[in-house]
Amino acid sequence: MEFETILKVIVMAVAAVGIPVGAYAAVAATRSIWSRAGQPAQGSTGAAEVLALQERVGELEGLSGRMAELEERLDFAERMLVQQREAERLPGETEVR
């Protein structure tokens, strides 16, 4: 047999087995999802989790404000350092990098 013929036979065999197996897996997964759709998740308390997440969001919003304040302070400190370095240079001196 030629290589192309062997390759065609292999592709047909894989397709003949793979398509039904894939279809069965899709049907089984769909049935599993549908059967659990009406049931609450196991181990979840729902309202308690929502409250905990709301508290965490509040904490993160507070940290966001603190982060903005720290960024402003850092910018101020950087500007002060630049001004100090410029004042320390002699008149007419150029910066070498």
N, C-alpha and C. Protein backbone atom coordinates (compact mmCIF):
# COMPACT_ATOMS: atom_id res chain seq x y z
N MET A 1 0.83 -1.18 0.00
CA MET A 1 0.00 0.00 0.00
C MET A 1 0.87 1.24 0.00
N GLU A 2 0.33 2.27 -0.57
CA GLU A 2 1.05 3.53 -0.60
C GLU A 2 0.84 4.29 0.70
N PHE A 3 1.72 5.23 0.93
CA PHE A 3 1.66 6.03 2.15
C PHE A 3 0.35 6.79 2.25
N GLU A 4 -0.10 7.39 1.14
CA GLU A 4 -1.33 8.16 1.14
C GLU A 4 -2.53 7.29 1.47
N THR A 5 -2.55 6.08 1.01
CA THR A 5 -3.66 5.16 1.28
C THR A 5 -3.67 4.79 2.76
N ILE A 6 -2.50 4.51 3.30
CA ILE A 6 -2.40 4.17 4.72
C ILE A 6 -2.86 5.36 5.57
N LEU A 7 -2.43 6.57 5.20
CA LEU A 7 -2.82 7.76 5.92
C LEU A 7 -4.33 7.96 5.88
N LYS A 8 -4.94 7.73 4.74
CA LYS A 8 -6.40 7.86 4.60
C LYS A 8 -7.12 6.86 5.50
N VAL A 9 -6.61 5.63 5.56
CA VAL A 9 -7.23 4.60 6.39
C VAL A 9 -7.14 4.99 7.86
N ILE A 10 -5.98 5.51 8.28
CA ILE A 10 -5.80 5.93 9.66
C ILE A 10 -6.74 7.08 10.01
N VAL A 11 -6.86 8.06 9.12
CA VAL A 11 -7.74 9.19 9.36
C VAL A 11 -9.18 8.74 9.46
N MET A 12 -9.60 7.83 8.59
CA MET A 12 -10.98 7.31 8.62
C MET A 12 -11.23 6.54 9.92
N ALA A 13 -10.26 5.76 10.39
CA ALA A 13 -10.43 4.99 11.62
C ALA A 13 -10.54 5.92 12.82
N VAL A 14 -9.69 6.93 12.86
CA VAL A 14 -9.74 7.89 13.96
C VAL A 14 -11.07 8.63 13.95
N ALA A 15 -11.53 9.03 12.78
CA ALA A 15 -12.81 9.73 12.68
C ALA A 15 -13.97 8.82 13.08
N ALA A 16 -13.91 7.55 12.65
CA ALA A 16 -14.99 6.62 12.96
C ALA A 16 -15.10 6.36 14.46
N VAL A 17 -13.98 6.39 15.17
CA VAL A 17 -14.00 6.15 16.60
C VAL A 17 -14.13 7.46 17.36
N GLY A 18 -13.45 8.49 16.93
CA GLY A 18 -13.39 9.75 17.67
C GLY A 18 -14.68 10.53 17.68
N ILE A 19 -15.40 10.56 16.56
CA ILE A 19 -16.63 11.34 16.50
C ILE A 19 -17.69 10.81 17.47
N PRO A 20 -17.98 9.51 17.48
CA PRO A 20 -18.97 9.03 18.45
C PRO A 20 -18.53 9.20 19.91
N VAL A 21 -17.26 9.01 20.18
CA VAL A 21 -16.77 9.18 21.54
C VAL A 21 -16.91 10.65 21.96
N GLY A 22 -16.56 11.57 21.09
CA GLY A 22 -16.70 12.99 21.39
C GLY A 22 -18.16 13.38 21.58
N ALA A 23 -19.03 12.85 20.75
CA ALA A 23 -20.46 13.14 20.88
C ALA A 23 -20.99 12.61 22.21
N TYR A 24 -20.59 11.41 22.60
CA TYR A 24 -21.04 10.84 23.86
C TYR A 24 -20.56 11.70 25.03
N ALA A 25 -19.32 12.16 24.98
CA ALA A 25 -18.77 13.00 26.05
C ALA A 25 -19.55 14.32 26.13
N ALA A 26 -19.90 14.89 24.99
CA ALA A 26 -20.66 16.14 24.98
C ALA A 26 -22.04 15.94 25.58
N VAL A 27 -22.71 14.84 25.22
CA VAL A 27 -24.04 14.55 25.76
C VAL A 27 -23.95 14.32 27.27
N ALA A 28 -22.97 13.57 27.72
CA ALA A 28 -22.83 13.29 29.15
C ALA A 28 -22.55 14.58 29.93
N ALA A 29 -21.71 15.44 29.40
CA ALA A 29 -21.41 16.71 30.08
C ALA A 29 -22.65 17.60 30.13
N THR A 30 -23.39 17.65 29.03
CA THR A 30 -24.61 18.46 29.00
C THR A 30 -25.64 17.96 30.00
N ARG A 31 -25.83 16.66 30.08
CA ARG A 31 -26.78 16.09 31.04
C ARG A 31 -26.34 16.39 32.47
N SER A 32 -25.05 16.30 32.72
CA SER A 32 -24.54 16.58 34.06
C SER A 32 -24.80 18.04 34.45
N ILE A 33 -24.57 18.93 33.52
CA ILE A 33 -24.78 20.35 33.80
C ILE A 33 -26.26 20.62 34.02
N TRP A 34 -27.13 20.05 33.19
CA TRP A 34 -28.57 20.28 33.33
C TRP A 34 -29.10 19.69 34.63
N SER A 35 -28.59 18.57 35.03
CA SER A 35 -29.10 17.95 36.25
C SER A 35 -28.72 18.75 37.50
N ARG A 36 -27.59 19.48 37.45
CA ARG A 36 -27.15 20.28 38.59
C ARG A 36 -27.63 21.72 38.52
N ALA A 37 -28.30 22.11 37.45
CA ALA A 37 -28.67 23.52 37.27
C ALA A 37 -29.62 24.00 38.37
N GLY A 38 -30.55 23.17 38.82
CA GLY A 38 -31.51 23.60 39.82
C GLY A 38 -31.03 23.45 41.24
N GLN A 39 -29.91 22.81 41.44
CA GLN A 39 -29.41 22.54 42.79
C GLN A 39 -28.37 23.59 43.19
N PRO A 40 -28.37 24.03 44.44
CA PRO A 40 -27.32 24.95 44.88
C PRO A 40 -25.98 24.22 44.94
N ALA A 41 -24.94 24.97 44.82
CA ALA A 41 -23.60 24.37 44.87
C ALA A 41 -23.37 23.74 46.24
N GLN A 42 -22.70 22.61 46.25
CA GLN A 42 -22.45 21.92 47.51
C GLN A 42 -21.45 22.71 48.35
N GLY A 43 -21.77 22.82 49.64
CA GLY A 43 -20.85 23.48 50.55
C GLY A 43 -20.91 24.99 50.51
N SER A 44 -21.82 25.58 49.74
CA SER A 44 -21.88 27.04 49.70
C SER A 44 -23.00 27.52 50.60
N THR A 45 -22.74 28.63 51.25
CA THR A 45 -23.76 29.20 52.12
C THR A 45 -24.42 30.39 51.48
N GLY A 46 -24.00 30.78 50.30
CA GLY A 46 -24.65 31.83 49.54
C GLY A 46 -24.54 33.20 50.18
N ALA A 47 -25.47 33.54 51.07
CA ALA A 47 -25.54 34.87 51.66
C ALA A 47 -24.28 35.20 52.45
N ALA A 48 -23.76 34.23 53.17
CA ALA A 48 -22.54 34.47 53.96
C ALA A 48 -21.35 34.77 53.04
N GLU A 49 -21.28 34.06 51.93
CA GLU A 49 -20.19 34.31 50.98
C GLU A 49 -20.32 35.69 50.37
N VAL A 50 -21.55 36.10 50.03
CA VAL A 50 -21.77 37.42 49.46
C VAL A 50 -21.35 38.51 50.44
N LEU A 51 -21.71 38.36 51.71
CA LEU A 51 -21.31 39.35 52.72
C LEU A 51 -19.80 39.41 52.88
N ALA A 52 -19.16 38.26 52.88
CA ALA A 52 -17.70 38.23 53.00
C ALA A 52 -17.05 38.93 51.80
N LEU A 53 -17.59 38.69 50.61
CA LEU A 53 -17.04 39.34 49.42
C LEU A 53 -17.28 40.85 49.45
N GLN A 54 -18.44 41.28 49.94
CA GLN A 54 -18.71 42.71 50.04
C GLN A 54 -17.76 43.37 51.02
N GLU A 55 -17.46 42.71 52.13
CA GLU A 55 -16.49 43.26 53.09
C GLU A 55 -15.12 43.37 52.45
N ARG A 56 -14.75 42.36 51.71
CA ARG A 56 -13.43 42.37 51.06
C ARG A 56 -13.34 43.49 50.03
N VAL A 57 -14.41 43.73 49.28
CA VAL A 57 -14.42 44.82 48.31
C VAL A 57 -14.27 46.15 49.02
N GLY A 58 -14.94 46.31 50.17
CA GLY A 58 -14.79 47.54 50.95
C GLY A 58 -13.36 47.76 51.40
N GLU A 59 -12.71 46.69 51.85
CA GLU A 59 -11.31 46.79 52.27
C GLU A 59 -10.42 47.20 51.09
N LEU A 60 -10.67 46.60 49.94
CA LEU A 60 -9.84 46.91 48.76
C LEU A 60 -10.05 48.34 48.30
N GLU A 61 -11.28 48.85 48.41
CA GLU A 61 -11.52 50.25 48.04
C GLU A 61 -10.76 51.18 48.97
N GLY A 62 -10.70 50.86 50.25
CA GLY A 62 -9.94 51.65 51.20
C GLY A 62 -8.45 51.63 50.87
N LEU A 63 -7.97 50.47 50.50
CA LEU A 63 -6.55 50.35 50.13
C LEU A 63 -6.25 51.12 48.85
N SER A 64 -7.22 51.19 47.98
CA SER A 64 -7.03 51.94 46.74
C SER A 64 -6.80 53.42 47.04
N GLY A 65 -7.56 53.96 48.00
CA GLY A 65 -7.37 55.35 48.40
C GLY A 65 -6.01 55.58 49.01
N ARG A 66 -5.59 54.64 49.83
CA ARG A 66 -4.25 54.77 50.45
C ARG A 66 -3.16 54.70 49.39
N MET A 67 -3.35 53.83 48.39
CA MET A 67 -2.37 53.71 47.32
C MET A 67 -2.25 55.02 46.54
N ALA A 68 -3.37 55.67 46.27
CA ALA A 68 -3.35 56.95 45.56
C ALA A 68 -2.59 58.00 46.37
N GLU A 69 -2.81 58.02 47.68
CA GLU A 69 -2.10 58.97 48.54
C GLU A 69 -0.60 58.69 48.53
N LEU A 70 -0.21 57.42 48.58
CA LEU A 70 1.22 57.08 48.55
C LEU A 70 1.85 57.47 47.21
N GLU A 71 1.11 57.30 46.13
CA GLU A 71 1.63 57.71 44.82
C GLU A 71 1.88 59.21 44.78
N GLU A 72 0.94 59.99 45.34
CA GLU A 72 1.13 61.43 45.39
C GLU A 72 2.35 61.80 46.22
N ARG A 73 2.53 61.14 47.34
CA ARG A 73 3.70 61.43 48.20
C ARG A 73 5.00 61.08 47.49
N LEU A 74 5.01 59.97 46.77
CA LEU A 74 6.21 59.57 46.03
C LEU A 74 6.52 60.59 44.94
N ASP A 75 5.50 61.04 44.21
CA ASP A 75 5.72 62.05 43.18
C ASP A 75 6.30 63.33 43.79
N PHE A 76 5.76 63.73 44.94
CA PHE A 76 6.26 64.93 45.62
C PHE A 76 7.73 64.75 46.00
N ALA A 77 8.05 63.60 46.58
CA ALA A 77 9.44 63.35 47.00
C ALA A 77 10.38 63.35 45.80
N GLU A 78 9.95 62.78 44.69
CA GLU A 78 10.79 62.78 43.49
C GLU A 78 11.03 64.20 43.00
N ARG A 79 9.98 65.02 43.00
CA ARG A 79 10.15 66.42 42.57
C ARG A 79 11.11 67.17 43.49
N MET A 80 11.01 66.92 44.79
CA MET A 80 11.92 67.58 45.74
C MET A 80 13.37 67.17 45.49
N LEU A 81 13.59 65.89 45.23
CA LEU A 81 14.95 65.42 44.95
C LEU A 81 15.51 66.06 43.69
N VAL A 82 14.68 66.18 42.66
CA VAL A 82 15.14 66.80 41.42
C VAL A 82 15.50 68.26 41.66
N GLN A 83 14.67 68.97 42.41
CA GLN A 83 14.95 70.37 42.70
C GLN A 83 16.24 70.52 43.50
N GLN A 84 16.46 69.62 44.44
CA GLN A 84 17.67 69.69 45.27
C GLN A 84 18.90 69.43 44.41
N ARG A 85 18.85 68.47 43.52
CA ARG A 85 19.99 68.18 42.66
C ARG A 85 20.28 69.33 41.72
N GLU A 86 19.23 69.96 41.21
CA GLU A 86 19.43 71.10 40.32
C GLU A 86 20.06 72.27 41.07
N ALA A 87 19.68 72.46 42.31
CA ALA A 87 20.23 73.56 43.10
C ALA A 87 21.69 73.30 43.45
N GLU A 88 22.09 72.03 43.61
CA GLU A 88 23.47 71.70 43.97
C GLU A 88 24.43 71.85 42.81
N ARG A 89 23.93 71.82 41.59
CA ARG A 89 24.82 71.97 40.43
C ARG A 89 25.34 73.40 40.34
N LEU A 90 26.55 73.50 39.81
CA LEU A 90 27.12 74.82 39.58
C LEU A 90 26.45 75.44 38.36
N PRO A 91 26.36 76.73 38.32
CA PRO A 91 25.77 77.39 37.13
C PRO A 91 26.58 77.02 35.89
N GLY A 92 25.90 76.69 34.82
CA GLY A 92 26.57 76.35 33.57
C GLY A 92 26.99 74.91 33.47
N GLU A 93 26.87 74.14 34.53
CA GLU A 93 27.25 72.73 34.53
C GLU A 93 26.15 71.92 33.81
N THR A 94 26.55 71.01 32.97
CA THR A 94 25.56 70.16 32.28
C THR A 94 25.57 68.78 32.88
N GLU A 95 24.44 68.15 32.81
CA GLU A 95 24.31 66.81 33.40
C GLU A 95 24.92 65.78 32.45
N VAL A 96 25.72 64.89 32.98
CA VAL A 96 26.36 63.82 32.19
C VAL A 96 25.68 62.51 32.55
N ARG A 97 25.24 61.79 31.54
CA ARG A 97 24.58 60.51 31.78
C ARG A 97 25.31 59.40 31.12
